[in-house]
C-alpha atoms as a PDB file:
ATOM      1  CA  MET A   1       8.567 -19.351   4.939  1.00  0.00           C
ATOM      2  CA  LYS A   2       7.254 -18.481   8.417  1.00  0.00           C
ATOM      3  CA  LYS A   3       7.163 -22.211   9.113  1.00  0.00           C
ATOM      4  CA  ILE A   4      10.866 -22.508   8.302  1.00  0.00           C
ATOM      5  CA  PHE A   5      11.759 -19.566  10.561  1.00  0.00           C
ATOM      6  CA  ARG A   6       9.970 -21.160  13.515  1.00  0.00           C
ATOM      7  CA  LYS A   7      11.305 -24.645  12.858  1.00  0.00           C
ATOM      8  CA  THR A   8      14.895 -23.601  12.325  1.00  0.00           C
ATOM      9  CA  VAL A   9      14.923 -21.346  15.395  1.00  0.00           C
ATOM     10  CA  ILE A  10      13.707 -24.187  17.624  1.00  0.00           C
ATOM     11  CA  ALA A  11      16.144 -26.653  16.101  1.00  0.00           C
ATOM     12  CA  PHE A  12      19.049 -24.254  16.433  1.00  0.00           C
ATOM     13  CA  THR A  13      18.279 -23.532  20.102  1.00  0.00           C
ATOM     14  CA  ILE A  14      18.089 -27.227  21.044  1.00  0.00           C
ATOM     15  CA  LEU A  15      21.122 -28.365  19.080  1.00  0.00           C
ATOM     16  CA  SER A  16      23.490 -25.418  19.518  1.00  0.00           C
ATOM     17  CA  ALA A  17      25.357 -26.904  22.504  1.00  0.00           C
ATOM     18  CA  ALA A  18      25.811 -30.292  20.844  1.00  0.00           C
ATOM     19  CA  PHE A  19      26.892 -28.657  17.617  1.00  0.00           C
ATOM     20  CA  PHE A  20      29.608 -26.690  19.428  1.00  0.00           C
ATOM     21  CA  VAL A  21      31.071 -29.816  21.025  1.00  0.00           C
ATOM     22  CA  LEU A  22      30.929 -31.970  17.907  1.00  0.00           C
ATOM     23  CA  THR A  23      32.511 -29.384  15.620  1.00  0.00           C
ATOM     24  CA  GLY A  24      35.121 -27.965  17.978  1.00  0.00           C
ATOM     25  CA  CYS A  25      37.965 -29.945  16.404  1.00  0.00           C
ATOM     26  CA  ASN A  26      37.046 -28.643  12.938  1.00  0.00           C
ATOM     27  CA  ARG A  27      36.448 -25.054  13.935  1.00  0.00           C
ATOM     28  CA  LYS A  28      38.760 -23.586  11.287  1.00  0.00           C
ATOM     29  CA  ASP A  29      37.143 -25.524   8.480  1.00  0.00           C
ATOM     30  CA  SER A  30      33.635 -24.694   9.752  1.00  0.00           C
ATOM     31  CA  LYS A  31      34.462 -21.015   9.997  1.00  0.00           C
ATOM     32  CA  LYS A  32      35.868 -21.021   6.478  1.00  0.00           C
ATOM     33  CA  ASP A  33      32.816 -22.815   5.095  1.00  0.00           C
ATOM     34  CA  LYS A  34      30.492 -20.372   6.863  1.00  0.00           C
ATOM     35  CA  GLU A  35      32.398 -17.357   5.523  1.00  0.00           C
ATOM     36  CA  GLU A  36      32.167 -18.750   2.004  1.00  0.00           C
ATOM     37  CA  LYS A  37      28.398 -19.289   2.357  1.00  0.00           C
ATOM     38  CA  GLU A  38      27.879 -15.795   3.799  1.00  0.00           C
ATOM     39  CA  GLN A  39      29.870 -14.325   0.914  1.00  0.00           C
ATOM     40  CA  GLN A  40      27.685 -16.160  -1.587  1.00  0.00           C
ATOM     41  CA  VAL A  41      24.486 -14.955   0.069  1.00  0.00           C
ATOM     42  CA  SER A  42      25.698 -11.365   0.528  1.00  0.00           C
ATOM     43  CA  VAL A  43      26.329 -10.866  -3.194  1.00  0.00           C
ATOM     44  CA  PRO A  44      22.971 -11.646  -4.819  1.00  0.00           C
ATOM     45  CA  GLU A  45      22.323 -11.309  -8.519  1.00  0.00           C
ATOM     46  CA  LYS A  46      19.664  -8.746  -7.642  1.00  0.00           C
ATOM     47  CA  ASP A  47      18.660  -6.905  -4.480  1.00  0.00           C
ATOM     48  CA  TYR A  48      15.250  -8.343  -3.610  1.00  0.00           C
ATOM     49  CA  LEU A  49      15.033  -7.085  -0.028  1.00  0.00           C
ATOM     50  CA  SER A  50      15.418  -3.299  -0.094  1.00  0.00           C
ATOM     51  CA  GLY A  51      12.216  -1.418   0.622  1.00  0.00           C
ATOM     52  CA  ILE A  52      10.265  -4.528   1.644  1.00  0.00           C
ATOM     53  CA  ASP A  53       9.311  -4.990   5.309  1.00  0.00           C
ATOM     54  CA  THR A  54       6.217  -7.193   4.995  1.00  0.00           C
ATOM     55  CA  ASP A  55       5.885 -10.798   3.853  1.00  0.00           C
ATOM     56  CA  THR A  56       5.622 -10.520   0.078  1.00  0.00           C
ATOM     57  CA  LEU A  57       5.068 -12.936  -2.788  1.00  0.00           C
ATOM     58  CA  MET A  58       5.913 -11.696  -6.261  1.00  0.00           C
ATOM     59  CA  MET A  59       5.787 -12.999  -9.798  1.00  0.00           C
ATOM     60  CA  ASP A  60       9.119 -13.228 -11.548  1.00  0.00           C
ATOM     61  CA  LYS A  61       9.588 -12.533 -15.254  1.00  0.00           C
ATOM     62  CA  ASP A  62      10.054 -16.237 -15.994  1.00  0.00           C
ATOM     63  CA  GLY A  63       6.765 -17.197 -14.346  1.00  0.00           C
ATOM     64  CA  SER A  64       8.293 -18.444 -11.120  1.00  0.00           C
ATOM     65  CA  LEU A  65       7.600 -16.956  -7.682  1.00  0.00           C
ATOM     66  CA  ILE A  66       9.839 -15.073  -5.282  1.00  0.00           C
ATOM     67  CA  GLU A  67       8.980 -14.854  -1.609  1.00  0.00           C
ATOM     68  CA  ILE A  68      10.349 -12.194   0.717  1.00  0.00           C
ATOM     69  CA  ALA A  69       9.868 -13.413   4.290  1.00  0.00           C
ATOM     70  CA  CYS A  70      10.293 -10.860   7.078  1.00  0.00           C
ATOM     71  CA  ASP A  71      10.686 -11.523  10.813  1.00  0.00           C
ATOM     72  CA  ASP A  72      11.750  -9.451  13.803  1.00  0.00           C
ATOM     73  CA  TYR A  73      14.047 -11.239  16.288  1.00  0.00           C
ATOM     74  CA  SER A  74      15.374  -8.071  17.934  1.00  0.00           C
ATOM     75  CA  LYS A  75      13.628  -8.875  21.228  1.00  0.00           C
ATOM     76  CA  GLU A  76      14.415 -12.606  21.240  1.00  0.00           C
ATOM     77  CA  SER A  77      16.983 -14.020  23.660  1.00  0.00           C
ATOM     78  CA  PHE A  78      18.250 -16.984  21.627  1.00  0.00           C
ATOM     79  CA  ASP A  79      21.125 -16.979  19.163  1.00  0.00           C
ATOM     80  CA  TYR A  80      19.721 -17.007  15.608  1.00  0.00           C
ATOM     81  CA  SER A  81      23.079 -16.380  13.899  1.00  0.00           C
ATOM     82  CA  GLY A  82      22.918 -19.752  12.147  1.00  0.00           C
ATOM     83  CA  LEU A  83      19.457 -19.161  10.723  1.00  0.00           C
ATOM     84  CA  SER A  84      20.586 -18.579   7.135  1.00  0.00           C
ATOM     85  CA  ASP A  85      22.542 -21.842   7.147  1.00  0.00           C
ATOM     86  CA  ASP A  86      19.555 -23.718   8.562  1.00  0.00           C
ATOM     87  CA  ILE A  87      17.231 -22.328   5.901  1.00  0.00           C
ATOM     88  CA  GLN A  88      19.722 -23.325   3.217  1.00  0.00           C
ATOM     89  CA  LYS A  89      19.810 -26.855   4.657  1.00  0.00           C
ATOM     90  CA  GLU A  90      15.998 -27.021   4.551  1.00  0.00           C
ATOM     91  CA  ILE A  91      16.057 -25.975   0.904  1.00  0.00           C
ATOM     92  CA  ASP A  92      18.812 -28.448   0.007  1.00  0.00           C
ATOM     93  CA  SER A  93      16.898 -31.256   1.732  1.00  0.00           C
ATOM     94  CA  PHE A  94      13.671 -30.350  -0.043  1.00  0.00           C
ATOM     95  CA  ASN A  95      15.365 -30.268  -3.444  1.00  0.00           C
ATOM     96  CA  GLN A  96      17.092 -33.574  -2.808  1.00  0.00           C
ATOM     97  CA  ILE A  97      13.814 -35.261  -1.869  1.00  0.00           C
ATOM     98  CA  SER A  98      11.926 -33.720  -4.804  1.00  0.00           C
ATOM     99  CA  GLY A  99      14.668 -34.726  -7.232  1.00  0.00           C
ATOM    100  CA  SER A 100      15.156 -31.264  -8.744  1.00  0.00           C
ATOM    101  CA  ASN A 101      16.084 -27.723  -7.776  1.00  0.00           C
ATOM    102  CA  LYS A 102      12.576 -26.356  -7.316  1.00  0.00           C
ATOM    103  CA  VAL A 103      13.558 -23.919  -4.555  1.00  0.00           C
ATOM    104  CA  SER A 104      16.523 -21.514  -4.474  1.00  0.00           C
ATOM    105  CA  PHE A 105      17.997 -19.360  -1.703  1.00  0.00           C
ATOM    106  CA  LEU A 106      18.468 -15.871  -3.216  1.00  0.00           C
ATOM    107  CA  GLN A 107      19.314 -13.415  -0.453  1.00  0.00           C
ATOM    108  CA  TYR A 108      19.492 -12.955   3.322  1.00  0.00           C
ATOM    109  CA  SER A 109      19.824  -9.875   5.519  1.00  0.00           C
ATOM    110  CA  ASP A 110      19.920  -9.211   9.244  1.00  0.00           C
ATOM    111  CA  ASP A 111      19.657  -5.617  10.408  1.00  0.00           C
ATOM    112  CA  ALA A 112      19.632  -5.443  14.211  1.00  0.00           C
ATOM    113  CA  GLY A 113      17.579  -8.614  14.472  1.00  0.00           C
ATOM    114  CA  LYS A 114      15.200  -7.780  11.653  1.00  0.00           C
ATOM    115  CA  VAL A 115      15.690 -10.739   9.354  1.00  0.00           C
ATOM    116  CA  LYS A 116      14.634 -10.874   5.707  1.00  0.00           C
ATOM    117  CA  VAL A 117      15.032 -13.772   3.306  1.00  0.00           C
ATOM    118  CA  ALA A 118      14.388 -13.988  -0.440  1.00  0.00           C
ATOM    119  CA  ILE A 119      13.562 -17.448  -1.799  1.00  0.00           C
ATOM    120  CA  LYS A 120      12.667 -18.426  -5.353  1.00  0.00           C
ATOM    121  CA  TYR A 121      10.160 -21.173  -6.204  1.00  0.00           C
ATOM    122  CA  MET A 122       9.843 -22.869  -9.577  1.00  0.00           C
ATOM    123  CA  ASN A 123       6.040 -22.708  -9.383  1.00  0.00           C
ATOM    124  CA  ILE A 124       3.117 -22.450  -6.965  1.00  0.00           C
ATOM    125  CA  GLN A 125       3.177 -26.202  -6.310  1.00  0.00           C
ATOM    126  CA  ALA A 126       6.787 -25.978  -5.116  1.00  0.00           C
ATOM    127  CA  TYR A 127       5.798 -23.068  -2.872  1.00  0.00           C
ATOM    128  CA  ASN A 128       2.920 -25.027  -1.343  1.00  0.00           C
ATOM    129  CA  ASP A 129       4.963 -28.194  -0.891  1.00  0.00           C
ATOM    130  CA  PHE A 130       7.801 -26.327   0.811  1.00  0.00           C
ATOM    131  CA  ASN A 131       5.626 -24.173   3.082  1.00  0.00           C
ATOM    132  CA  GLY A 132       2.633 -26.442   3.706  1.00  0.00           C
ATOM    133  CA  THR A 133       0.206 -23.896   2.226  1.00  0.00           C
ATOM    134  CA  TYR A 134      -2.712 -24.144  -0.199  1.00  0.00           C
ATOM    135  CA  TYR A 135      -2.253 -21.199  -2.549  1.00  0.00           C
ATOM    136  CA  LYS A 136      -3.716 -21.391  -6.045  1.00  0.00           C
ATOM    137  CA  LEU A 137      -2.262 -19.545  -9.013  1.00  0.00           C
ATOM    138  CA  GLU A 138      -4.129 -20.036 -12.283  1.00  0.00           C
ATOM    139  CA  MET A 139      -6.019 -18.377 -15.100  1.00  0.00           C
ATOM    140  CA  TYR A 140      -9.026 -16.355 -13.987  1.00  0.00           C
ATOM    141  CA  ASP A 141     -12.161 -18.449 -13.546  1.00  0.00           C
ATOM    142  CA  ALA A 142     -15.320 -16.577 -12.512  1.00  0.00           C
ATOM    143  CA  SER A 143     -17.054 -19.775 -11.424  1.00  0.00           C
ATOM    144  CA  LYS A 144     -14.316 -20.546  -8.871  1.00  0.00           C
ATOM    145  CA  VAL A 145     -14.426 -17.011  -7.523  1.00  0.00           C
ATOM    146  CA  THR A 146     -18.188 -17.267  -7.183  1.00  0.00           C
ATOM    147  CA  ASP A 147     -17.940 -20.633  -5.442  1.00  0.00           C
ATOM    148  CA  ILE A 148     -15.582 -19.169  -2.841  1.00  0.00           C
ATOM    149  CA  VAL A 149     -17.876 -16.268  -1.993  1.00  0.00           C
ATOM    150  CA  VAL A 150     -21.078 -18.294  -2.107  1.00  0.00           C
ATOM    151  CA  GLU A 151     -19.690 -20.935   0.227  1.00  0.00           C
ATOM    152  CA  GLU A 152     -18.502 -18.310   2.682  1.00  0.00           C
ATOM    153  CA  GLU A 153     -21.809 -16.444   2.650  1.00  0.00           C
ATOM    154  CA  LYS A 154     -23.812 -19.635   3.030  1.00  0.00           C
ATOM    155  CA  LYS A 155     -21.844 -20.542   6.136  1.00  0.00           C
ATOM    156  CA  LYS A 156     -22.522 -17.101   7.586  1.00  0.00           C
ATOM    157  CA  ASN A 157     -26.234 -17.355   6.799  1.00  0.00           C
ATOM    158  CA  GLU A 158     -26.501 -20.860   8.196  1.00  0.00           C
ATOM    159  CA  ALA A 159     -24.776 -19.791  11.408  1.00  0.00           C
ATOM    160  CA  ALA A 160     -27.140 -16.827  11.765  1.00  0.00           C
ATOM    161  CA  MET A 161     -30.224 -18.858  10.911  1.00  0.00           C
ATOM    162  CA  SER A 162     -29.295 -21.597  13.368  1.00  0.00           C
ATOM    163  CA  SER A 163     -30.100 -19.409  16.351  1.00  0.00           C
ATOM    164  CA  ALA A 164     -33.463 -18.100  17.484  1.00  0.00           C
ATOM    165  CA  GLU A 165     -31.884 -14.661  17.953  1.00  0.00           C
ATOM    166  CA  GLY A 166     -30.644 -14.587  14.368  1.00  0.00           C
ATOM    167  CA  LEU A 167     -34.041 -15.567  13.026  1.00  0.00           C
ATOM    168  CA  ALA A 168     -35.792 -12.978  15.151  1.00  0.00           C
ATOM    169  CA  GLU A 169     -33.459 -10.230  13.930  1.00  0.00           C
ATOM    170  CA  ALA A 170     -34.219 -11.241  10.337  1.00  0.00           C
ATOM    171  CA  GLY A 171     -37.970 -11.198  11.048  1.00  0.00           C
ATOM    172  CA  ILE A 172     -38.342 -14.913  10.348  1.00  0.00           C
ATOM    173  CA  ASP A 173     -40.551 -17.397  12.155  1.00  0.00           C
ATOM    174  CA  ASN A 174     -38.174 -19.997  13.572  1.00  0.00           C
ATOM    175  CA  GLU A 175     -40.830 -22.671  13.030  1.00  0.00           C
ATOM    176  CA  ASP A 176     -41.203 -21.942   9.301  1.00  0.00           C
ATOM    177  CA  GLU A 177     -38.802 -24.568   7.917  1.00  0.00           C
ATOM    178  CA  ASP A 178     -39.560 -23.737   4.268  1.00  0.00           C
ATOM    179  CA  GLU A 179     -38.614 -20.091   4.673  1.00  0.00           C
ATOM    180  CA  ILE A 180     -35.447 -20.936   6.612  1.00  0.00           C
ATOM    181  CA  SER A 181     -34.386 -23.509   4.003  1.00  0.00           C
ATOM    182  CA  SER A 182     -34.940 -20.982   1.210  1.00  0.00           C
ATOM    183  CA  ILE A 183     -32.741 -18.406   2.913  1.00  0.00           C
ATOM    184  CA  LYS A 184     -29.951 -20.911   3.524  1.00  0.00           C
ATOM    185  CA  SER A 185     -29.855 -21.945  -0.144  1.00  0.00           C
ATOM    186  CA  ASP A 186     -29.980 -18.439  -1.660  1.00  0.00           C
ATOM    187  CA  ALA A 187     -27.107 -17.890  -4.094  1.00  0.00           C
ATOM    188  CA  VAL A 188     -24.817 -14.974  -3.307  1.00  0.00           C
ATOM    189  CA  LYS A 189     -23.184 -13.033  -6.120  1.00  0.00           C
ATOM    190  CA  ALA A 190     -19.405 -12.720  -6.056  1.00  0.00           C
ATOM    191  CA  ILE A 191     -18.534  -9.028  -6.127  1.00  0.00           C
ATOM    192  CA  MET A 192     -15.039  -7.872  -7.030  1.00  0.00           C
ATOM    193  CA  THR A 193     -13.544  -4.410  -6.579  1.00  0.00           C
ATOM    194  CA  ASP A 194     -11.249  -2.702  -9.085  1.00  0.00           C
ATOM    195  CA  ARG A 195      -8.421  -0.208  -8.512  1.00  0.00           C
ATOM    196  CA  ASP A 196     -10.855   2.713  -8.581  1.00  0.00           C
ATOM    197  CA  GLY A 197     -13.027   1.156  -5.885  1.00  0.00           C
ATOM    198  CA  LYS A 198     -15.796   0.274  -8.324  1.00  0.00           C
ATOM    199  CA  GLU A 199     -17.626  -3.003  -7.844  1.00  0.00           C
ATOM    200  CA  ILE A 200     -18.214  -5.578 -10.559  1.00  0.00           C
ATOM    201  CA  GLU A 201     -19.706  -9.042 -10.489  1.00  0.00           C
ATOM    202  CA  ALA A 202     -17.114 -11.775 -10.989  1.00  0.00           C
ATOM    203  CA  ALA A 203     -19.122 -13.260 -13.860  1.00  0.00           C
ATOM    204  CA  ASP A 204     -18.868  -9.958 -15.774  1.00  0.00           C
ATOM    205  CA  ILE A 205     -15.065 -10.030 -15.902  1.00  0.00           C
ATOM    206  CA  ASN A 206     -14.289 -11.550 -19.297  1.00  0.00           C
ATOM    207  CA  ASP A 207     -10.629 -10.733 -19.987  1.00  0.00           C
ATOM    208  CA  GLU A 208      -8.994 -14.059 -20.948  1.00  0.00           C
ATOM    209  CA  SER A 209      -5.489 -12.764 -20.191  1.00  0.00           C
ATOM    210  CA  LEU A 210      -6.174 -12.406 -16.479  1.00  0.00           C
ATOM    211  CA  MET A 211      -4.698 -14.637 -13.805  1.00  0.00           C
ATOM    212  CA  MET A 212      -5.672 -15.009 -10.168  1.00  0.00           C
ATOM    213  CA  LEU A 213      -3.969 -15.806  -6.883  1.00  0.00           C
ATOM    214  CA  ILE A 214      -6.138 -17.436  -4.219  1.00  0.00           C
ATOM    215  CA  THR A 215      -4.815 -17.565  -0.653  1.00  0.00           C
ATOM    216  CA  ASP A 216      -6.092 -17.746   2.911  1.00  0.00           C
ATOM    217  CA  GLN A 217      -2.868 -16.222   4.297  1.00  0.00           C
ATOM    218  CA  SER A 218      -2.045 -12.588   5.033  1.00  0.00           C
ATOM    219  CA  ILE A 219       0.525 -11.496   2.466  1.00  0.00           C
ATOM    220  CA  VAL A 220       1.415  -8.779  -0.023  1.00  0.00           C
ATOM    221  CA  PHE A 221       1.245  -9.982  -3.623  1.00  0.00           C
ATOM    222  CA  ASP A 222       3.329  -8.144  -6.221  1.00  0.00           C
ATOM    223  CA  ALA A 223       2.577  -8.683  -9.924  1.00  0.00           C
ATOM    224  CA  ASP A 224       6.102  -7.325 -10.660  1.00  0.00           C
ATOM    225  CA  GLY A 225       5.499  -5.502 -13.924  1.00  0.00           C
ATOM    226  CA  GLY A 226       1.921  -6.645 -14.312  1.00  0.00           C
ATOM    227  CA  GLU A 227      -1.242  -5.023 -12.969  1.00  0.00           C
ATOM    228  CA  VAL A 228      -3.580  -5.948 -10.158  1.00  0.00           C
ATOM    229  CA  ARG A 229      -7.040  -5.423 -11.640  1.00  0.00           C
ATOM    230  CA  TYR A 230      -9.558  -6.774  -9.107  1.00  0.00           C
ATOM    231  CA  VAL A 231      -9.777  -8.209  -5.593  1.00  0.00           C
ATOM    232  CA  ASN A 232     -12.551  -9.754  -3.536  1.00  0.00           C
ATOM    233  CA  HIS A 233     -13.538  -8.610  -0.036  1.00  0.00           C
ATOM    234  CA  HIS A 234     -10.596 -10.409   1.634  1.00  0.00           C
ATOM    235  CA  ALA A 235      -7.990  -8.294  -0.169  1.00  0.00           C
ATOM    236  CA  SER A 236      -7.236  -4.664  -0.936  1.00  0.00           C
ATOM    237  CA  ILE A 237      -5.359  -3.076  -3.834  1.00  0.00           C
ATOM    238  CA  ASN A 238      -2.306  -1.053  -2.760  1.00  0.00           C
ATOM    239  CA  GLY A 239      -1.145   0.233  -6.116  1.00  0.00           C
ATOM    240  CA  LYS A 240      -0.831  -0.689  -9.756  1.00  0.00           C
ATOM    241  CA  GLU A 241       1.179  -3.862  -9.134  1.00  0.00           C
ATOM    242  CA  ASP A 242       0.373  -5.046  -5.617  1.00  0.00           C
ATOM    243  CA  ALA A 243      -2.428  -6.027  -3.261  1.00  0.00           C
ATOM    244  CA  THR A 244      -2.712  -7.309   0.318  1.00  0.00           C
ATOM    245  CA  SER A 245      -4.792 -10.255   1.504  1.00  0.00           C
ATOM    246  CA  ASP A 246      -6.233 -10.030   5.022  1.00  0.00           C
ATOM    247  CA  GLY A 247      -5.824 -13.668   6.116  1.00  0.00           C
ATOM    248  CA  ASN A 248      -9.416 -13.832   7.352  1.00  0.00           C
ATOM    249  CA  GLY A 249     -10.754 -15.955   4.494  1.00  0.00           C
ATOM    250  CA  TRP A 250     -10.017 -16.917   0.903  1.00  0.00           C
ATOM    251  CA  ALA A 251      -8.683 -13.823  -0.854  1.00  0.00           C
ATOM    252  CA  VAL A 252      -8.806 -13.598  -4.652  1.00  0.00           C
ATOM    253  CA  ILE A 253      -6.358 -11.265  -6.387  1.00  0.00           C
ATOM    254  CA  VAL A 254      -6.880 -10.896 -10.131  1.00  0.00           C
ATOM    255  CA  PHE A 255      -3.953  -9.589 -12.159  1.00  0.00           C
ATOM    256  CA  THR A 256      -2.120  -9.491 -15.477  1.00  0.00           C
ATOM    257  CA  LEU A 257       1.397 -10.778 -15.985  1.00  0.00           C
ATOM    258  CA  GLY A 258       4.156  -8.294 -16.643  1.00  0.00           C
ATOM    259  CA  VAL A 259       5.565  -7.971 -20.158  1.00  0.00           C
ATOM    260  CA  TYR A 260       9.360  -8.151 -20.404  1.00  0.00           C
END
């Protein structure tokens, strides 16, 4: 959703003058249409925005996803008053191209320039397609979690072993190719952390009801009635239902779905 904020702000700034001229003769109709849209947005089926001030992605009871995107425009000089309309246009265009209503505009608020938007996505693929992201949402798979950690650790080791200083610090002869090769290929265990701060190897988590969210973005994930059980080292558990990814690598958040 951050992408849409940036894109719509730029577009609105560039086109605002032209828009004013072209629509001047239909000002009454435009004002009426805008008031009707604002009324629709201001009376949501549910209040998704209260108490949320950080970008959040939550599971909905029907298995879809709801994103709460938060931005602060209080110190910006441009006019962002048409932002909600622009976001709606982006959603309408996306749905038209995709051939179905995969994305829905739920709620919008603007409190002294602090803008929040709630958007619903049919599934994780719709979310990725709309936002240009690479999130994964699937049943827990220890092998995939291990692959993520192993690949990351191998890259770190290879970077360290590629320099004479790194080898010296590790007490390794930089001319001993066999020893260097062995270190680079060492498998690293994927360690997860539970809500109590206890560590467990990913391969030892055997609950078949568990799901996992994998993301390289910084975001709060809310299981919305479910439970966050484990996270890897790129995420932290906030409470029973939510966790935060740090955006510094591939975070894995393991959770259960809520029961409704």
